[in-house]
Amino acid sequence: MKNLPYFCRGEVVRGFGRGSKELGILTANFTDSVVELLPGDISTGIYYGWACVDNGDIHKMVMSIGCNPYYNNAKKSMETHVIHTFKEDFYGQILSVVLVGYIRPERSYDSLGKNALIAAINHDIEEAKRKLDLPEHRKLKKDNFFIASASSSMTSSNKITKGH
């Protein structure tokens, strides 16, 4: 994918309410306007990269981009699981992410059930951790994109950018 790494920043909004409640895996969701600005060559699927809430620490993350076939969503979403335990929700705060690499396409787990979906997500998390430890991916954690203040670089409620 020629648009990777891909830099993205936007406000965290409430999603479908399933990540933590049904799956036990917390996710942060971007506004629809951020999702609509994704380049065409960033296909649906599971990605790994780096994430930062407001001006906080930078953490590993996995992101699902798509319609989540297990739930038959009608619209595309960007659901980020930051691999870190936060003390509280961060709705309304700015999430900055860099998509570094692609793990796999979206899959439907209808016939396998929710436990198979949870196992796949946990496998994605472990693969992201391994890949982000590679030197070529670790360097993006220190990119200037994360150094810039999330609040001062926002010109509206969301912004998405390939460059920085």
Protein backbone atom coordinates (compact mmCIF):
# COMPACT_ATOMS: atom_id res chain seq x y z
CA MET A 1 0.00 0.00 0.00
CA LYS A 2 1.67 3.13 -1.21
CA ASN A 3 -0.01 5.39 1.37
CA LEU A 4 1.66 3.70 4.34
CA PRO A 5 2.74 5.03 6.68
CA TYR A 6 -0.46 7.03 6.95
CA PHE A 7 -0.88 9.80 9.53
CA CYS A 8 -4.32 10.50 10.96
CA ARG A 9 -5.68 12.72 13.70
CA GLY A 10 -9.22 13.28 14.92
CA GLU A 11 -11.65 13.47 17.78
CA VAL A 12 -12.63 10.27 19.61
CA VAL A 13 -16.38 9.67 19.45
CA ARG A 14 -18.67 6.98 20.81
CA GLY A 15 -18.82 3.97 18.55
CA PHE A 16 -21.23 1.08 18.48
CA GLY A 17 -20.66 0.21 22.16
CA ARG A 18 -19.52 -3.34 21.46
CA GLY A 19 -15.74 -3.24 21.83
CA SER A 20 -15.62 -3.28 25.59
CA LYS A 21 -19.10 -4.54 26.40
CA GLU A 22 -19.30 -7.57 24.13
CA LEU A 23 -15.67 -8.31 23.31
CA GLY A 24 -13.74 -7.00 26.31
CA ILE A 25 -11.47 -5.06 23.92
CA LEU A 26 -11.65 -1.27 24.22
CA THR A 27 -11.67 0.73 20.99
CA ALA A 28 -11.53 4.42 20.13
CA ASN A 29 -13.55 5.55 17.13
CA PHE A 30 -12.97 8.42 14.73
CA THR A 31 -15.71 10.67 13.37
CA ASP A 32 -17.30 9.76 10.04
CA SER A 33 -15.62 12.74 8.38
CA VAL A 34 -12.16 11.33 9.22
CA VAL A 35 -13.14 7.91 7.86
CA GLU A 36 -14.42 9.47 4.62
CA LEU A 37 -11.01 11.05 3.96
CA LEU A 38 -9.10 7.74 3.83
CA PRO A 39 -7.29 7.29 0.50
CA GLY A 40 -8.72 4.68 -1.81
CA ASP A 41 -5.70 2.39 -1.59
CA ILE A 42 -6.11 1.93 2.16
CA SER A 43 -8.37 -1.06 1.93
CA THR A 44 -10.54 -2.49 4.65
CA GLY A 45 -8.78 -4.75 7.10
CA ILE A 46 -6.62 -4.80 10.20
CA TYR A 47 -3.63 -2.46 10.54
CA TYR A 48 -0.96 -1.84 13.15
CA GLY A 49 0.81 1.32 14.19
CA TRP A 50 1.33 3.96 16.86
CA ALA A 51 -1.23 6.05 18.74
CA CYS A 52 -1.26 9.01 21.10
CA VAL A 53 -4.19 10.55 23.01
CA ASP A 54 -3.90 14.35 23.12
CA ASN A 55 -0.28 15.05 24.09
CA GLY A 56 0.18 11.86 26.09
CA ASP A 57 2.52 8.94 25.65
CA ILE A 58 2.75 7.07 22.35
CA HIS A 59 1.57 3.46 22.41
CA LYS A 60 1.31 0.53 20.03
CA MET A 61 -2.11 0.03 18.45
CA VAL A 62 -4.17 -2.08 16.09
CA MET A 63 -6.96 -0.64 13.98
CA SER A 64 -9.89 -2.19 12.17
CA ILE A 65 -10.94 -0.28 9.07
CA GLY A 66 -14.15 -1.44 7.49
CA CYS A 67 -17.72 -2.50 8.08
CA ASN A 68 -17.00 -5.30 10.57
CA PRO A 69 -18.67 -8.27 8.83
CA TYR A 70 -19.42 -10.01 12.15
CA TYR A 71 -21.80 -7.16 13.02
CA ASN A 72 -22.95 -6.37 9.46
CA ASN A 73 -22.32 -2.64 9.85
CA ALA A 74 -23.72 -0.48 7.07
CA LYS A 75 -20.95 2.12 7.13
CA LYS A 76 -17.18 2.02 7.25
CA SER A 77 -15.50 2.82 10.56
CA MET A 78 -12.00 3.19 11.98
CA GLU A 79 -11.82 1.44 15.36
CA THR A 80 -8.50 1.79 17.18
CA HIS A 81 -7.40 -0.45 20.03
CA VAL A 82 -4.55 1.30 21.82
CA ILE A 83 -2.37 -1.34 23.48
CA HIS A 84 -2.32 0.35 26.85
CA THR A 85 -4.58 0.43 29.90
CA PHE A 86 -6.09 3.88 30.38
CA LYS A 87 -7.61 4.94 33.70
CA GLU A 88 -10.69 6.44 32.04
CA ASP A 89 -12.45 6.97 28.71
CA PHE A 90 -11.13 9.65 26.40
CA TYR A 91 -14.20 10.61 24.36
CA GLY A 92 -13.84 14.09 22.93
CA GLN A 93 -10.06 14.02 23.10
CA ILE A 94 -7.77 13.99 20.06
CA LEU A 95 -6.34 10.66 18.93
CA SER A 96 -3.29 10.80 16.67
CA VAL A 97 -2.30 7.60 14.87
CA VAL A 98 0.13 6.45 12.25
CA LEU A 99 -0.83 3.35 10.28
CA VAL A 100 2.44 1.51 9.77
CA GLY A 101 1.45 -1.83 8.26
CA TYR A 102 -1.30 -4.20 7.23
CA ILE A 103 -2.05 -7.42 9.12
CA ARG A 104 -4.99 -9.02 7.33
CA PRO A 105 -8.30 -8.43 5.55
CA GLU A 106 -11.61 -8.24 7.39
CA ARG A 107 -13.25 -11.59 8.00
CA SER A 108 -16.71 -12.71 8.94
CA TYR A 109 -16.87 -14.85 12.05
CA ASP A 110 -20.61 -15.56 11.81
CA SER A 111 -20.27 -19.34 11.73
CA LEU A 112 -17.41 -19.41 14.26
CA GLY A 113 -18.92 -17.06 16.82
CA LYS A 114 -17.74 -14.32 19.09
CA ASN A 115 -14.94 -16.36 20.72
CA ALA A 116 -13.24 -16.84 17.35
CA LEU A 117 -13.45 -13.08 16.72
CA ILE A 118 -11.91 -12.34 20.13
CA ALA A 119 -9.12 -14.86 19.49
CA ALA A 120 -8.39 -13.27 16.09
CA ILE A 121 -8.24 -9.78 17.64
CA ASN A 122 -5.87 -11.01 20.34
CA HIS A 123 -3.68 -12.61 17.66
CA ASP A 124 -3.69 -9.28 15.76
CA ILE A 125 -2.58 -7.49 18.93
CA GLU A 126 0.33 -9.89 19.44
CA GLU A 127 1.38 -9.59 15.79
CA ALA A 128 1.27 -5.78 16.05
CA LYS A 129 3.46 -5.86 19.16
CA ARG A 130 6.05 -8.00 17.36
CA LYS A 131 6.08 -5.96 14.15
CA LEU A 132 6.26 -2.61 15.94
CA ASP A 133 9.43 -3.75 17.72
CA LEU A 134 11.24 -3.86 14.36
CA PRO A 135 13.65 -0.90 13.98
CA GLU A 136 12.01 0.36 10.78
CA HIS A 137 8.66 0.62 12.58
CA ARG A 138 9.97 1.76 15.97
CA LYS A 139 11.41 4.93 14.41
CA LEU A 140 7.89 6.16 13.51
CA LYS A 141 7.09 6.37 17.22
CA LYS A 142 9.41 9.39 17.32
CA ASP A 143 7.97 11.07 14.20
CA ASN A 144 7.41 14.85 14.30
CA PHE A 145 3.71 14.14 13.81
CA PHE A 146 3.51 13.11 17.46
CA ILE A 147 5.68 15.98 18.67
CA ALA A 148 3.26 18.61 17.39
CA SER A 149 0.55 19.47 19.86
CA ALA A 150 -2.62 17.64 18.91
CA SER A 151 -4.78 20.56 20.01
CA SER A 152 -2.74 23.27 18.29
CA SER A 153 -2.58 21.37 14.99
CA MET A 154 -6.34 20.95 14.76
CA THR A 155 -8.10 23.43 12.55
CA SER A 156 -11.52 21.85 13.08
CA SER A 157 -12.91 18.93 15.02
CA ASN A 158 -10.83 16.51 12.95
CA LYS A 159 -7.97 16.38 10.53
CA ILE A 160 -6.38 13.64 8.51
CA THR A 161 -3.09 13.92 6.73
CA LYS A 162 -0.63 11.89 4.69
CA GLY A 163 2.13 14.40 5.25
CA HIS A 164 2.96 16.35 8.36
